[in-house]
Amino acid sequence: MGSLAAREGERSRGDFEVREKKSVRRKER
């Protein structure tokens, strides 16, 4: 039952990580 919720959490988590990496890249530039 928590499979879907876990999937959604992982998805949002990945998005957050990607956003952080993008912001870091922007700052580096």
PDB file of N, CA and C in Angstrom:
ATOM      1  N   MET A   1       0.843  -1.205   0.000  1.00  0.00           N
ATOM      2  CA  MET A   1       0.000   0.000   0.000  1.00  0.00           C
ATOM      3  C   MET A   1       0.876   1.252   0.000  1.00  0.00           C
ATOM      4  N   GLY A   2       2.013   1.163   0.674  1.00  0.00           N
ATOM      5  CA  GLY A   2       2.911   2.337   0.734  1.00  0.00           C
ATOM      6  C   GLY A   2       3.829   2.398  -0.486  1.00  0.00           C
ATOM      7  N   SER A   3       3.598   1.500  -1.426  1.00  0.00           N
ATOM      8  CA  SER A   3       4.478   1.476  -2.619  1.00  0.00           C
ATOM      9  C   SER A   3       4.326   2.778  -3.400  1.00  0.00           C
ATOM     10  N   LEU A   4       3.088   3.170  -3.649  1.00  0.00           N
ATOM     11  CA  LEU A   4       2.848   4.392  -4.436  1.00  0.00           C
ATOM     12  C   LEU A   4       3.431   5.602  -3.701  1.00  0.00           C
ATOM     13  N   ALA A   5       3.132   5.706  -2.418  1.00  0.00           N
ATOM     14  CA  ALA A   5       3.638   6.848  -1.638  1.00  0.00           C
ATOM     15  C   ALA A   5       5.163   6.873  -1.696  1.00  0.00           C
ATOM     16  N   ALA A   6       5.777   5.709  -1.535  1.00  0.00           N
ATOM     17  CA  ALA A   6       7.253   5.652  -1.564  1.00  0.00           C
ATOM     18  C   ALA A   6       7.742   6.115  -2.933  1.00  0.00           C
ATOM     19  N   ARG A   7       7.049   5.699  -3.962  1.00  0.00           N
ATOM     20  CA  ARG A   7       7.460   6.083  -5.323  1.00  0.00           C
ATOM     21  C   ARG A   7       7.383   7.607  -5.464  1.00  0.00           C
ATOM     22  N   GLU A   8       6.285   8.178  -5.019  1.00  0.00           N
ATOM     23  CA  GLU A   8       6.111   9.639  -5.124  1.00  0.00           C
ATOM     24  C   GLU A   8       7.218  10.343  -4.344  1.00  0.00           C
ATOM     25  N   GLY A   9       7.507   9.849  -3.145  1.00  0.00           N
ATOM     26  CA  GLY A   9       8.563  10.459  -2.328  1.00  0.00           C
ATOM     27  C   GLY A   9       9.891  10.406  -3.067  1.00  0.00           C
ATOM     28  N   GLU A  10      10.178   9.265  -3.643  1.00  0.00           N
ATOM     29  CA  GLU A  10      11.466   9.135  -4.365  1.00  0.00           C
ATOM     30  C   GLU A  10      11.505  10.121  -5.533  1.00  0.00           C
ATOM     31  N   ARG A  11      10.374  10.263  -6.183  1.00  0.00           N
ATOM     32  CA  ARG A  11      10.322  11.156  -7.352  1.00  0.00           C
ATOM     33  C   ARG A  11      10.594  12.603  -6.909  1.00  0.00           C
ATOM     34  N   SER A  12       9.846  13.059  -5.922  1.00  0.00           N
ATOM     35  CA  SER A  12      10.045  14.445  -5.452  1.00  0.00           C
ATOM     36  C   SER A  12      11.474  14.597  -4.937  1.00  0.00           C
ATOM     37  N   ARG A  13      11.983  13.575  -4.291  1.00  0.00           N
ATOM     38  CA  ARG A  13      13.350  13.647  -3.746  1.00  0.00           C
ATOM     39  C   ARG A  13      14.338  13.832  -4.912  1.00  0.00           C
ATOM     40  N   GLY A  14      14.166  13.060  -5.953  1.00  0.00           N
ATOM     41  CA  GLY A  14      15.062  13.179  -7.112  1.00  0.00           C
ATOM     42  C   GLY A  14      14.949  14.573  -7.717  1.00  0.00           C
ATOM     43  N   ASP A  15      13.734  15.071  -7.836  1.00  0.00           N
ATOM     44  CA  ASP A  15      13.557  16.422  -8.396  1.00  0.00           C
ATOM     45  C   ASP A  15      14.315  17.435  -7.556  1.00  0.00           C
ATOM     46  N   PHE A  16      14.193  17.290  -6.230  1.00  0.00           N
ATOM     47  CA  PHE A  16      14.877  18.235  -5.338  1.00  0.00           C
ATOM     48  C   PHE A  16      16.389  18.157  -5.555  1.00  0.00           C
ATOM     49  N   GLU A  17      16.895  16.934  -5.642  1.00  0.00           N
ATOM     50  CA  GLU A  17      18.355  16.763  -5.841  1.00  0.00           C
ATOM     51  C   GLU A  17      18.769  17.405  -7.158  1.00  0.00           C
ATOM     52  N   VAL A  18      18.000  17.187  -8.186  1.00  0.00           N
ATOM     53  CA  VAL A  18      18.330  17.764  -9.504  1.00  0.00           C
ATOM     54  C   VAL A  18      18.327  19.283  -9.403  1.00  0.00           C
ATOM     55  N   ARG A  19      17.340  19.814  -8.705  1.00  0.00           N
ATOM     56  CA  ARG A  19      17.247  21.278  -8.558  1.00  0.00           C
ATOM     57  C   ARG A  19      18.491  21.785  -7.829  1.00  0.00           C
ATOM     58  N   GLU A  20      18.865  21.102  -6.779  1.00  0.00           N
ATOM     59  CA  GLU A  20      20.052  21.528  -6.007  1.00  0.00           C
ATOM     60  C   GLU A  20      21.274  21.518  -6.922  1.00  0.00           C
ATOM     61  N   LYS A  21      21.442  20.465  -7.678  1.00  0.00           N
ATOM     62  CA  LYS A  21      22.613  20.365  -8.575  1.00  0.00           C
ATOM     63  C   LYS A  21      22.585  21.508  -9.582  1.00  0.00           C
ATOM     64  N   LYS A  22      21.407  21.790 -10.118  1.00  0.00           N
ATOM     65  CA  LYS A  22      21.294  22.866 -11.117  1.00  0.00           C
ATOM     66  C   LYS A  22      21.673  24.201 -10.482  1.00  0.00           C
ATOM     67  N   SER A  23      21.146  24.444  -9.290  1.00  0.00           N
ATOM     68  CA  SER A  23      21.452  25.724  -8.621  1.00  0.00           C
ATOM     69  C   SER A  23      22.958  25.801  -8.357  1.00  0.00           C
ATOM     70  N   VAL A  24      23.549  24.705  -7.947  1.00  0.00           N
ATOM     71  CA  VAL A  24      24.998  24.699  -7.661  1.00  0.00           C
ATOM     72  C   VAL A  24      25.755  25.006  -8.945  1.00  0.00           C
ATOM     73  N   ARG A  25      25.328  24.400 -10.028  1.00  0.00           N
ATOM     74  CA  ARG A  25      26.007  24.626 -11.316  1.00  0.00           C
ATOM     75  C   ARG A  25      25.898  26.108 -11.675  1.00  0.00           C
ATOM     76  N   ARG A  26      24.735  26.667 -11.480  1.00  0.00           N
ATOM     77  CA  ARG A  26      24.523  28.083 -11.809  1.00  0.00           C
ATOM     78  C   ARG A  26      25.466  28.942 -10.964  1.00  0.00           C
ATOM     79  N   LYS A  27      25.551  28.628  -9.703  1.00  0.00           N
ATOM     80  CA  LYS A  27      26.424  29.421  -8.808  1.00  0.00           C
ATOM     81  C   LYS A  27      27.874  29.291  -9.272  1.00  0.00           C
ATOM     82  N   GLU A  28      28.262  28.085  -9.649  1.00  0.00           N
ATOM     83  CA  GLU A  28      29.660  27.877 -10.095  1.00  0.00           C
ATOM     84  C   GLU A  28      29.941  28.768 -11.298  1.00  0.00           C
ATOM     85  N   ARG A  29      28.957  28.861 -12.198  1.00  0.00           N
ATOM     86  CA  ARG A  29      29.160  29.663 -13.410  1.00  0.00           C
ATOM     87  C   ARG A  29      29.051  31.084 -12.987  1.00  0.00           C
TER      88      ARG A  29
END
